Amino acid sequence: MKRYVFAIAAACIMICLAILAYWDVYRPRVGPVGNGPDDAAVLRVLILRLIYPAGLLVVGIIGLWRYKKKRS
């Protein structure tokens, strides 16, 4: 059970960190106009950063569901 709870908690933390990194990319900074981030690259990195935590979240939820089902 601890494994599944840890997987869910780790997935939530990783999702929060991915969103925080995405927010940080688009924060205004000092510098010349026109040197903004490449939107396609930023979106691609965000999607890649969200795929693993989403899978981990699904595995954690299914494992927890099976554990609860087995105990009852």
Protein backbone atom coordinates (compact mmCIF):
# COMPACT_ATOMS: atom_id res chain seq x y z
CA MET A 1 0.00 0.00 0.00
CA LYS A 2 2.86 2.36 0.81
CA ARG A 3 4.20 1.88 -2.71
CA TYR A 4 0.96 3.05 -4.31
CA VAL A 5 0.56 6.04 -2.01
CA PHE A 6 4.18 7.00 -2.73
CA ALA A 7 3.54 6.69 -6.49
CA ILE A 8 0.51 8.97 -6.26
CA ALA A 9 2.36 11.54 -4.15
CA ALA A 10 5.40 11.47 -6.45
CA ALA A 11 3.17 11.91 -9.50
CA CYS A 12 1.43 14.91 -7.95
CA ILE A 13 4.76 16.52 -7.08
CA MET A 14 6.13 15.90 -10.58
CA ILE A 15 3.01 17.40 -12.18
CA CYS A 16 3.31 20.48 -9.98
CA LEU A 17 6.99 20.86 -10.90
CA ALA A 18 6.20 20.55 -14.61
CA ILE A 19 3.55 23.26 -14.36
CA LEU A 20 5.90 25.46 -12.35
CA ALA A 21 8.62 25.05 -15.00
CA TYR A 22 6.10 25.92 -17.73
CA TRP A 23 5.06 29.04 -15.81
CA ASP A 24 8.70 30.02 -15.30
CA VAL A 25 9.42 29.89 -19.04
CA TYR A 26 6.81 32.54 -19.80
CA ARG A 27 7.66 34.92 -16.95
CA PRO A 28 8.73 38.32 -18.24
CA ARG A 29 12.46 38.92 -18.09
CA VAL A 30 14.76 41.80 -18.84
CA GLY A 31 16.23 41.68 -22.32
CA PRO A 32 15.65 42.49 -25.95
CA VAL A 33 12.16 42.10 -27.34
CA GLY A 34 11.75 39.10 -29.60
CA ASN A 35 13.97 36.70 -27.67
CA GLY A 36 11.04 34.78 -26.25
CA PRO A 37 10.87 31.01 -25.95
CA ASP A 38 9.96 28.76 -28.86
CA ASP A 39 6.34 27.82 -28.20
CA ALA A 40 6.50 24.45 -29.96
CA ALA A 41 9.60 23.39 -28.01
CA VAL A 42 8.10 24.54 -24.71
CA LEU A 43 4.87 22.63 -25.36
CA ARG A 44 6.80 19.51 -26.41
CA VAL A 45 8.87 19.58 -23.21
CA LEU A 46 5.74 20.14 -21.10
CA ILE A 47 3.99 17.16 -22.67
CA LEU A 48 7.05 14.97 -22.13
CA ARG A 49 7.27 16.13 -18.51
CA LEU A 50 3.60 15.24 -17.96
CA ILE A 51 3.54 11.79 -19.61
CA TYR A 52 5.57 9.97 -16.95
CA PRO A 53 3.73 11.44 -13.93
CA ALA A 54 0.37 10.73 -15.57
CA GLY A 55 1.35 7.09 -16.04
CA LEU A 56 2.68 6.91 -12.51
CA LEU A 57 -0.58 8.39 -11.21
CA VAL A 58 -2.63 5.82 -13.11
CA VAL A 59 -0.44 2.96 -11.84
CA GLY A 60 -0.75 4.24 -8.27
CA ILE A 61 -4.52 4.60 -8.45
CA ILE A 62 -5.00 1.16 -10.02
CA GLY A 63 -2.65 -0.44 -7.50
CA LEU A 64 -4.43 1.22 -4.59
CA TRP A 65 -7.80 0.17 -6.00
CA ARG A 66 -6.64 -3.45 -6.37
CA TYR A 67 -5.18 -3.43 -2.85
CA LYS A 68 -8.44 -2.15 -1.37
CA LYS A 69 -10.43 -4.65 -3.42
CA LYS A 70 -8.22 -7.54 -2.26
CA ARG A 71 -8.53 -6.58 1.41
CA SER A 72 -12.34 -6.50 1.41
